[in-house]
C-alpha atoms as a PDB file:
ATOM      1  CA  MET A   1      60.892  -0.149 184.827  1.00  0.00           C
ATOM      2  CA  LYS A   2      59.309  -0.831 188.201  1.00  0.00           C
ATOM      3  CA  VAL A   3      55.551  -1.442 188.335  1.00  0.00           C
ATOM      4  CA  VAL A   4      54.642   1.841 190.049  1.00  0.00           C
ATOM      5  CA  ALA A   5      56.744   3.796 187.541  1.00  0.00           C
ATOM      6  CA  ALA A   6      55.128   1.886 184.658  1.00  0.00           C
ATOM      7  CA  VAL A   7      51.641   2.658 185.965  1.00  0.00           C
ATOM      8  CA  ARG A   8      52.509   6.332 186.436  1.00  0.00           C
ATOM      9  CA  SER A   9      53.914   6.599 182.916  1.00  0.00           C
ATOM     10  CA  LEU A  10      50.713   5.105 181.474  1.00  0.00           C
ATOM     11  CA  ALA A  11      48.527   7.328 183.651  1.00  0.00           C
ATOM     12  CA  GLU A  12      50.239  10.398 182.212  1.00  0.00           C
ATOM     13  CA  SER A  13      50.379   9.209 178.597  1.00  0.00           C
ATOM     14  CA  ALA A  14      48.191  10.948 176.015  1.00  0.00           C
ATOM     15  CA  GLU A  15      46.320   7.721 175.245  1.00  0.00           C
ATOM     16  CA  TRP A  16      45.275   6.951 178.831  1.00  0.00           C
ATOM     17  CA  LYS A  17      45.350  10.219 180.797  1.00  0.00           C
ATOM     18  CA  GLY A  18      41.965  10.883 182.373  1.00  0.00           C
ATOM     19  CA  LYS A  19      40.497   7.564 181.215  1.00  0.00           C
ATOM     20  CA  PHE A  20      41.517   5.467 184.209  1.00  0.00           C
ATOM     21  CA  ASP A  21      41.916   5.962 187.931  1.00  0.00           C
ATOM     22  CA  PHE A  22      45.198   4.514 189.130  1.00  0.00           C
ATOM     23  CA  VAL A  23      45.144   3.635 192.824  1.00  0.00           C
ATOM     24  CA  VAL A  24      47.865   2.015 194.911  1.00  0.00           C
ATOM     25  CA  ARG A  25      46.584   0.098 197.909  1.00  0.00           C
ATOM     26  CA  PRO A  26      49.239  -1.469 200.120  1.00  0.00           C
ATOM     27  CA  VAL A  27      48.185  -4.852 201.456  1.00  0.00           C
ATOM     28  CA  THR A  28      48.905  -3.496 204.930  1.00  0.00           C
ATOM     29  CA  SER A  29      46.180  -0.859 204.544  1.00  0.00           C
ATOM     30  CA  GLU A  30      42.598  -1.563 205.567  1.00  0.00           C
ATOM     31  CA  GLU A  31      41.459  -1.591 201.925  1.00  0.00           C
ATOM     32  CA  GLY A  32      44.359  -3.842 200.956  1.00  0.00           C
ATOM     33  CA  ARG A  33      43.588  -6.409 203.641  1.00  0.00           C
ATOM     34  CA  ILE A  34      40.013  -6.605 202.363  1.00  0.00           C
ATOM     35  CA  GLU A  35      40.714  -6.490 198.634  1.00  0.00           C
ATOM     36  CA  ALA A  36      43.752  -8.813 198.331  1.00  0.00           C
ATOM     37  CA  PRO A  37      41.793 -11.992 199.132  1.00  0.00           C
ATOM     38  CA  ARG A  38      38.766 -10.769 197.136  1.00  0.00           C
ATOM     39  CA  MET A  39      40.979 -10.330 194.083  1.00  0.00           C
ATOM     40  CA  GLY A  40      42.466 -13.802 194.537  1.00  0.00           C
ATOM     41  CA  PHE A  41      46.056 -12.905 195.369  1.00  0.00           C
ATOM     42  CA  GLY A  42      46.496 -15.591 197.999  1.00  0.00           C
ATOM     43  CA  ALA A  43      49.736 -15.726 199.979  1.00  0.00           C
ATOM     44  CA  ALA A  44      51.677 -13.385 197.657  1.00  0.00           C
ATOM     45  CA  LYS A  45      49.222 -10.583 198.440  1.00  0.00           C
ATOM     46  CA  HIS A  46      50.468  -8.291 195.722  1.00  0.00           C
ATOM     47  CA  GLY A  47      50.087  -7.503 192.075  1.00  0.00           C
ATOM     48  CA  LEU A  48      47.971  -5.302 189.858  1.00  0.00           C
ATOM     49  CA  VAL A  49      44.239  -5.542 189.268  1.00  0.00           C
ATOM     50  CA  LEU A  50      42.088  -3.899 186.646  1.00  0.00           C
ATOM     51  CA  VAL A  51      38.447  -3.403 187.557  1.00  0.00           C
ATOM     52  CA  ASP A  52      35.644  -1.828 185.590  1.00  0.00           C
ATOM     53  CA  GLY A  53      33.574   1.143 186.742  1.00  0.00           C
ATOM     54  CA  ASN A  54      31.453  -1.148 188.916  1.00  0.00           C
ATOM     55  CA  GLY A  55      34.429  -2.714 190.673  1.00  0.00           C
ATOM     56  CA  LYS A  56      34.183  -5.998 188.751  1.00  0.00           C
ATOM     57  CA  LEU A  57      37.541  -7.708 188.172  1.00  0.00           C
ATOM     58  CA  VAL A  58      38.557  -7.541 184.499  1.00  0.00           C
ATOM     59  CA  ASP A  59      42.127  -8.825 184.756  1.00  0.00           C
ATOM     60  CA  LYS A  60      45.001  -9.167 187.199  1.00  0.00           C
ATOM     61  CA  LEU A  61      48.747  -9.553 187.122  1.00  0.00           C
ATOM     62  CA  ASP A  62      50.307 -11.342 190.100  1.00  0.00           C
ATOM     63  CA  GLY A  63      53.580 -10.240 191.636  1.00  0.00           C
ATOM     64  CA  HIS A  64      55.785  -7.567 190.091  1.00  0.00           C
ATOM     65  CA  ALA A  65      57.267  -9.376 187.080  1.00  0.00           C
ATOM     66  CA  PHE A  66      55.542  -7.219 184.467  1.00  0.00           C
ATOM     67  CA  GLY A  67      55.849  -3.758 182.980  1.00  0.00           C
ATOM     68  CA  ALA A  68      54.037  -1.128 180.958  1.00  0.00           C
ATOM     69  CA  ALA A  69      53.336  -3.413 177.964  1.00  0.00           C
ATOM     70  CA  GLU A  70      51.581  -6.034 180.091  1.00  0.00           C
ATOM     71  CA  ILE A  71      49.650  -3.398 182.034  1.00  0.00           C
ATOM     72  CA  GLU A  72      48.514  -1.689 178.837  1.00  0.00           C
ATOM     73  CA  SER A  73      47.408  -5.032 177.397  1.00  0.00           C
ATOM     74  CA  CYS A  74      45.103  -5.448 180.418  1.00  0.00           C
ATOM     75  CA  MET A  75      43.811  -1.898 180.059  1.00  0.00           C
ATOM     76  CA  LYS A  76      42.882  -2.479 176.416  1.00  0.00           C
ATOM     77  CA  LYS A  77      40.473  -5.228 177.519  1.00  0.00           C
ATOM     78  CA  LEU A  78      38.168  -2.497 178.837  1.00  0.00           C
ATOM     79  CA  LYS A  79      38.173  -0.742 175.467  1.00  0.00           C
ATOM     80  CA  GLN A  80      36.816  -3.822 173.668  1.00  0.00           C
END
């Protein structure tokens, strides 16, 4: 499953629906150009970040070599 599809499936699941905002920000967008270095992506400039309600980085997954299980594991860190 591709990353975007994995995120969408979690966003619509009964457990997570309405509990998280899922936002895709291409690195070529203004927000992406600002946030990629701030989130520590370096040259790869892509991946997935999980931030809390204040925008503080909780966890990140670099690249695209992950799926729903890894994303959900990150999300559970906010529930602790």
